[in-house]
Amino acid sequence: MVVKSTESQVGSPINFMPVAKVLDIDDYDLRETLAIVAAFGTDRFGYLVTPNVDHVIRYYDDADFRTLYAHAAFVLLDSRFLAHTVGLMKFRRHRVTAGSDLTAALLSTVTRPSDVTVLVGASPQQAQELRVRYGLNALHHVDPPMNFIRDEAAVEACLRAIEAASPFRFCFLAIGSPQQEIIARKLQERGIARGLTLCVGASINYVTGIEKRAPNWMQKLGLEWLFRLLQNPRRLGTRYLWRGPRIFLLLPRLELRLRRPIAVPGKLVRSP
C-alpha cells in the first residue's frame, strides 16, 4: 500500500492563491491499528509514521519530508490536540493512534518472546529493561551516535545493523524526526529488510519511565503538549510556543484526508 501526497492549485490561475497540500491519514483507532499491525508479517517491508503538530508543519514546509510520508505504509494521527483542532476548524472527526500508546500496546499484547525485534535509539539500559519486562528474547539494539544522520558512514552502519536482524517482526525507530523517517525510507529503498518499521520518537522513553506522560485527563483533552512543556520548558519551548502555533495558519491550506484502505482483521490482538 502506498500513501500518496497530492498538491493542487486553489482557485483560478489569476488569483495566485497558495498551493493546497493534502496529507492522507489512515482513519483507525488504537485497537484497529493493533489488529492491522499484528497481521503485517515478515515477508515484506513497510514503515509506519505518526504525525503530530510538529510533523504536520514540517510536512507542509518540506517537500522531502512529504516524500518520506508518501512512501509510508501507514500514516496514523498521533495528536489529540490536532484532532480536536481540526474538529473545531473543519467539523471533522479524526481517530487518533498515539505512537506512545501503540508502542506500549505492541510490546505488551502483540510481540512474543521469540519474535525478532529491533530497537534503534534509546540506551542499552532501556533495551535491557524491555528484554526483561516483556520477555523479548530476540531483541536487537542498535545505538547510533547523536546526529548520525549527517554522517554517511554512521548511517550506513545503522542500516546494515538493522538489515542484519531481518526479517524482524517490528523495528522501533526511536531517533526523532526526521531522522527516523529518513532511515525507514532508506531501508525501503535498499530492499533488504523485511518486517514492519515504526517511527515512534520518544515512545520508548515513556515505556521505560525516562519521561513521564501526562495524566489521562490531559491526554484526552489534547493537553499532553502542555504537560511536556511544563516538564522541560527549555528544550520544548521553541517547538510548542513559537513553531507550534503556525498550525492554525496552515490548516486552512492543508487537507487532512481520511481513509480506511485496509479491512480490520476480524480477530484482534491477544489479551495481555
Protein backbone atom coordinates (compact mmCIF):
# COMPACT_ATOMS: atom_id res chain seq x y z
CA MET A 1 0.00 0.00 0.00
CA VAL A 2 1.38 3.42 -0.91
CA VAL A 3 0.20 6.68 0.59
CA LYS A 4 0.19 9.46 -1.97
CA SER A 5 0.52 13.12 -1.20
CA THR A 6 -1.01 15.40 -3.78
CA GLU A 7 -0.93 19.13 -4.42
CA SER A 8 -3.48 21.15 -6.34
CA GLN A 9 -3.87 24.80 -7.22
CA VAL A 10 -6.56 26.57 -5.22
CA GLY A 11 -8.73 28.96 -7.20
CA SER A 12 -8.11 30.22 -10.72
CA PRO A 13 -4.61 30.84 -12.09
CA ILE A 14 -5.07 34.62 -11.97
CA ASN A 15 -5.55 34.93 -8.19
CA PHE A 16 -2.16 33.40 -7.29
CA MET A 17 -3.51 31.61 -4.24
CA PRO A 18 -1.06 29.30 -2.42
CA VAL A 19 -0.85 25.63 -3.25
CA ALA A 20 -3.13 23.44 -1.14
CA LYS A 21 -1.42 20.31 0.20
CA VAL A 22 -3.05 17.03 1.09
CA LEU A 23 -1.98 14.63 3.83
CA ASP A 24 -3.67 11.24 3.78
CA ILE A 25 -4.40 9.92 7.28
CA ASP A 26 -5.33 6.28 7.96
CA ASP A 27 -8.53 6.53 9.96
CA TYR A 28 -8.09 3.85 12.63
CA ASP A 29 -8.17 3.92 16.41
CA LEU A 30 -5.64 2.10 18.58
CA ARG A 31 -7.47 -1.21 18.75
CA GLU A 32 -7.98 -1.34 14.99
CA THR A 33 -4.36 -0.36 14.38
CA LEU A 34 -3.10 -3.12 16.64
CA ALA A 35 -5.05 -5.69 14.65
CA ILE A 36 -3.72 -4.40 11.32
CA VAL A 37 -0.12 -4.11 12.52
CA ALA A 38 -0.19 -7.54 14.17
CA ALA A 39 -1.15 -9.05 10.81
CA PHE A 40 1.59 -7.31 8.81
CA GLY A 41 4.04 -10.22 8.82
CA THR A 42 7.73 -10.57 7.95
CA ASP A 43 7.59 -11.34 4.24
CA ARG A 44 7.65 -7.70 3.13
CA PHE A 45 8.82 -4.29 4.33
CA GLY A 46 6.77 -1.31 5.36
CA TYR A 47 7.05 1.64 7.70
CA LEU A 48 4.61 3.49 9.89
CA VAL A 49 4.63 7.21 10.73
CA THR A 50 2.64 9.05 13.40
CA PRO A 51 2.23 12.74 12.54
CA ASN A 52 1.87 15.25 15.35
CA VAL A 53 1.62 19.05 15.08
CA ASP A 54 5.36 19.50 14.57
CA HIS A 55 5.42 16.82 11.87
CA VAL A 56 2.44 18.33 10.06
CA ILE A 57 4.16 21.73 9.98
CA ARG A 58 7.29 20.09 8.58
CA TYR A 59 5.12 18.21 6.08
CA TYR A 60 3.69 21.49 4.82
CA ASP A 61 7.07 23.22 4.55
CA ASP A 62 9.39 20.45 3.35
CA ALA A 63 8.92 18.62 0.05
CA ASP A 64 11.49 15.97 1.03
CA PHE A 65 9.52 15.21 4.19
CA ARG A 66 6.34 14.89 2.15
CA THR A 67 8.12 12.30 0.01
CA LEU A 68 9.02 10.30 3.13
CA TYR A 69 5.37 10.27 4.16
CA ALA A 70 4.23 9.41 0.64
CA HIS A 71 6.05 6.07 0.83
CA ALA A 72 4.86 5.10 4.31
CA ALA A 73 2.62 2.06 4.59
CA PHE A 74 0.65 3.61 7.46
CA VAL A 75 0.08 7.24 8.47
CA LEU A 76 -1.65 7.43 11.85
CA LEU A 77 -2.62 10.63 13.62
CA ASP A 78 -0.60 10.94 16.84
CA SER A 79 -2.02 14.17 18.27
CA ARG A 80 -5.33 14.56 20.10
CA PHE A 81 -4.69 18.31 20.14
CA LEU A 82 -4.54 18.28 16.36
CA ALA A 83 -7.63 16.07 16.15
CA HIS A 84 -9.57 18.47 18.39
CA THR A 85 -8.33 21.50 16.44
CA VAL A 86 -9.28 20.03 13.08
CA GLY A 87 -12.66 19.09 14.51
CA LEU A 88 -13.30 22.69 15.57
CA MET A 89 -11.96 24.28 12.38
CA LYS A 90 -13.23 21.78 9.79
CA PHE A 91 -16.05 19.98 11.63
CA ARG A 92 -14.48 16.58 11.02
CA ARG A 93 -13.79 13.75 13.43
CA HIS A 94 -10.34 12.15 13.34
CA ARG A 95 -9.43 8.93 15.11
CA VAL A 96 -6.12 9.06 16.99
CA THR A 97 -3.49 6.38 17.44
CA ALA A 98 -0.79 7.91 19.63
CA GLY A 99 2.64 6.46 18.91
CA SER A 100 3.35 6.03 22.60
CA ASP A 101 0.12 4.08 23.14
CA LEU A 102 0.80 1.95 20.08
CA THR A 103 4.35 1.13 21.17
CA ALA A 104 3.30 0.12 24.67
CA ALA A 105 0.40 -1.97 23.38
CA LEU A 106 2.53 -3.76 20.78
CA LEU A 107 5.13 -4.68 23.36
CA SER A 108 2.57 -5.89 25.90
CA THR A 109 -0.10 -7.56 23.73
CA VAL A 110 1.37 -8.45 20.33
CA THR A 111 5.11 -9.11 20.47
CA ARG A 112 6.06 -12.61 21.63
CA PRO A 113 9.35 -13.67 23.24
CA SER A 114 10.55 -15.41 20.09
CA ASP A 115 9.73 -12.51 17.75
CA VAL A 116 12.77 -10.77 16.33
CA THR A 117 12.51 -7.15 17.45
CA VAL A 118 14.85 -4.27 16.67
CA LEU A 119 15.23 -1.10 18.74
CA VAL A 120 17.12 1.79 17.16
CA GLY A 121 17.98 4.54 19.61
CA ALA A 122 17.39 4.70 23.38
CA SER A 123 20.09 3.42 25.71
CA PRO A 124 21.46 -0.08 26.35
CA GLN A 125 19.82 0.09 29.79
CA GLN A 126 16.43 0.80 28.22
CA ALA A 127 16.90 -2.04 25.75
CA GLN A 128 17.67 -4.41 28.59
CA GLU A 129 14.64 -3.22 30.53
CA LEU A 130 12.43 -4.05 27.53
CA ARG A 131 14.01 -7.51 27.28
CA VAL A 132 13.27 -8.23 30.93
CA ARG A 133 9.85 -6.61 31.22
CA TYR A 134 8.36 -8.05 28.04
CA GLY A 135 10.45 -11.20 27.71
CA LEU A 136 11.91 -10.09 24.38
CA ASN A 137 14.49 -12.81 23.95
CA ALA A 138 15.27 -11.79 20.36
CA LEU A 139 15.61 -8.02 20.83
CA HIS A 140 18.46 -6.41 18.88
CA HIS A 141 19.60 -2.95 19.97
CA VAL A 142 21.18 -0.51 17.52
CA ASP A 143 22.59 2.63 19.15
CA PRO A 144 23.71 5.18 16.53
CA PRO A 145 25.61 8.28 17.67
CA MET A 146 23.94 11.65 18.19
CA ASN A 147 23.13 13.48 14.93
CA PHE A 148 24.38 10.46 12.99
CA ILE A 149 22.12 11.23 10.03
CA ARG A 150 24.74 13.76 8.85
CA ASP A 151 27.47 11.11 8.81
CA GLU A 152 27.25 8.85 5.77
CA ALA A 153 29.35 6.11 7.37
CA ALA A 154 27.23 6.15 10.55
CA VAL A 155 24.02 5.97 8.51
CA GLU A 156 25.38 3.00 6.57
CA ALA A 157 26.38 1.23 9.79
CA CYS A 158 22.90 1.78 11.22
CA LEU A 159 21.19 0.46 8.10
CA ARG A 160 23.40 -2.62 7.96
CA ALA A 161 22.79 -3.40 11.63
CA ILE A 162 19.03 -3.28 11.09
CA GLU A 163 19.25 -5.36 7.94
CA ALA A 164 21.40 -7.95 9.72
CA ALA A 165 18.50 -8.57 12.12
CA SER A 166 15.98 -9.01 9.29
CA PRO A 167 13.44 -10.47 8.96
CA PHE A 168 12.04 -8.86 12.10
CA ARG A 169 8.52 -8.63 13.48
CA PHE A 170 8.91 -4.99 14.43
CA CYS A 171 11.68 -2.41 14.24
CA PHE A 172 11.16 0.58 16.55
CA LEU A 173 12.96 3.72 15.38
CA ALA A 174 13.30 5.94 18.45
CA ILE A 175 15.68 8.52 17.00
CA GLY A 176 13.45 11.53 16.46
CA SER A 177 12.01 13.13 13.36
CA PRO A 178 13.01 13.42 10.56
CA GLN A 179 15.92 11.03 11.24
CA GLN A 180 13.63 8.06 11.82
CA GLU A 181 11.60 8.64 8.66
CA ILE A 182 14.80 9.03 6.61
CA ILE A 183 16.17 5.73 7.92
CA ALA A 184 12.86 3.97 7.28
CA ARG A 185 12.76 5.20 3.70
CA LYS A 186 16.40 4.20 3.09
CA LEU A 187 15.63 0.70 4.34
CA GLN A 188 12.73 0.57 1.91
CA GLU A 189 14.86 1.77 -0.99
CA ARG A 190 17.59 -0.79 -0.32
CA GLY A 191 15.07 -3.64 -0.37
CA ILE A 192 16.89 -5.93 2.08
CA ALA A 193 14.96 -5.61 5.34
CA ARG A 194 11.65 -7.39 5.92
CA GLY A 195 9.11 -6.59 8.61
CA LEU A 196 7.32 -3.50 9.89
CA THR A 197 9.31 -0.46 10.98
CA LEU A 198 7.65 2.05 13.27
CA CYS A 199 8.78 5.67 13.68
CA VAL A 200 7.98 6.12 17.36
CA GLY A 201 10.06 9.08 18.58
CA ALA A 202 10.12 9.36 22.37
CA SER A 203 7.76 6.43 22.95
CA ILE A 204 10.48 4.18 24.40
CA ASN A 205 11.28 6.88 26.97
CA TYR A 206 7.68 6.76 28.14
CA VAL A 207 7.54 2.96 28.22
CA THR A 208 10.72 2.76 30.29
CA GLY A 209 9.89 5.69 32.57
CA ILE A 210 12.68 8.02 31.42
CA GLU A 211 9.99 10.57 30.63
CA LYS A 212 6.63 10.87 32.35
CA ARG A 213 3.43 11.01 30.31
CA ALA A 214 0.64 13.42 31.02
CA PRO A 215 -2.29 12.24 33.14
CA ASN A 216 -5.09 10.59 31.17
CA TRP A 217 -7.39 13.58 31.56
CA MET A 218 -4.80 15.87 29.94
CA GLN A 219 -4.25 13.37 27.13
CA LYS A 220 -7.96 13.18 26.39
CA LEU A 221 -8.27 16.98 26.31
CA GLY A 222 -5.34 17.27 23.91
CA LEU A 223 -3.14 18.94 26.51
CA GLU A 224 -0.27 16.46 26.56
CA TRP A 225 1.87 19.10 24.85
CA LEU A 226 1.34 21.43 27.83
CA PHE A 227 2.40 18.75 30.30
CA ARG A 228 5.57 18.08 28.28
CA LEU A 229 6.29 21.81 28.07
CA LEU A 230 5.99 22.21 31.84
CA GLN A 231 8.31 19.21 32.34
CA ASN A 232 11.00 20.55 30.02
CA PRO A 233 10.39 24.20 29.05
CA ARG A 234 13.94 24.88 27.89
CA ARG A 235 14.01 22.04 25.36
CA LEU A 236 10.40 22.27 24.16
CA GLY A 237 9.60 25.98 24.48
CA THR A 238 10.55 26.85 20.91
CA ARG A 239 8.63 23.91 19.46
CA TYR A 240 5.40 24.47 21.33
CA LEU A 241 5.29 28.25 21.83
CA TRP A 242 6.97 29.56 18.69
CA ARG A 243 6.79 26.91 15.96
CA GLY A 244 3.60 25.12 17.01
CA PRO A 245 1.10 28.00 16.68
CA ARG A 246 1.77 28.09 12.93
CA ILE A 247 -0.56 25.11 12.67
CA PHE A 248 -3.55 27.48 12.96
CA LEU A 249 -2.37 29.34 9.86
CA LEU A 250 -1.53 26.22 7.89
CA LEU A 251 -4.62 24.09 8.50
CA PRO A 252 -6.84 26.15 6.16
CA ARG A 253 -4.30 25.40 3.41
CA LEU A 254 -3.82 21.73 4.31
CA GLU A 255 -6.35 18.97 3.84
CA LEU A 256 -6.08 16.01 6.19
CA ARG A 257 -7.81 13.41 4.05
CA LEU A 258 -9.21 10.43 5.94
CA ARG A 259 -9.09 6.91 4.53
CA ARG A 260 -9.59 3.31 5.61
CA PRO A 261 -7.75 1.33 2.94
CA ILE A 262 -7.45 -1.91 4.93
CA ALA A 263 -10.23 -4.05 6.35
CA VAL A 264 -9.63 -4.57 10.05
CA PRO A 265 -8.98 -8.29 10.74
CA GLY A 266 -11.89 -9.97 12.48
CA LYS A 267 -9.66 -11.39 15.19
CA LEU A 268 -7.96 -8.63 17.12
CA VAL A 269 -4.85 -8.93 19.26
CA ARG A 270 -4.40 -11.44 22.04
CA SER A 271 -5.06 -10.49 25.63
CA PRO A 272 -2.14 -9.09 27.67
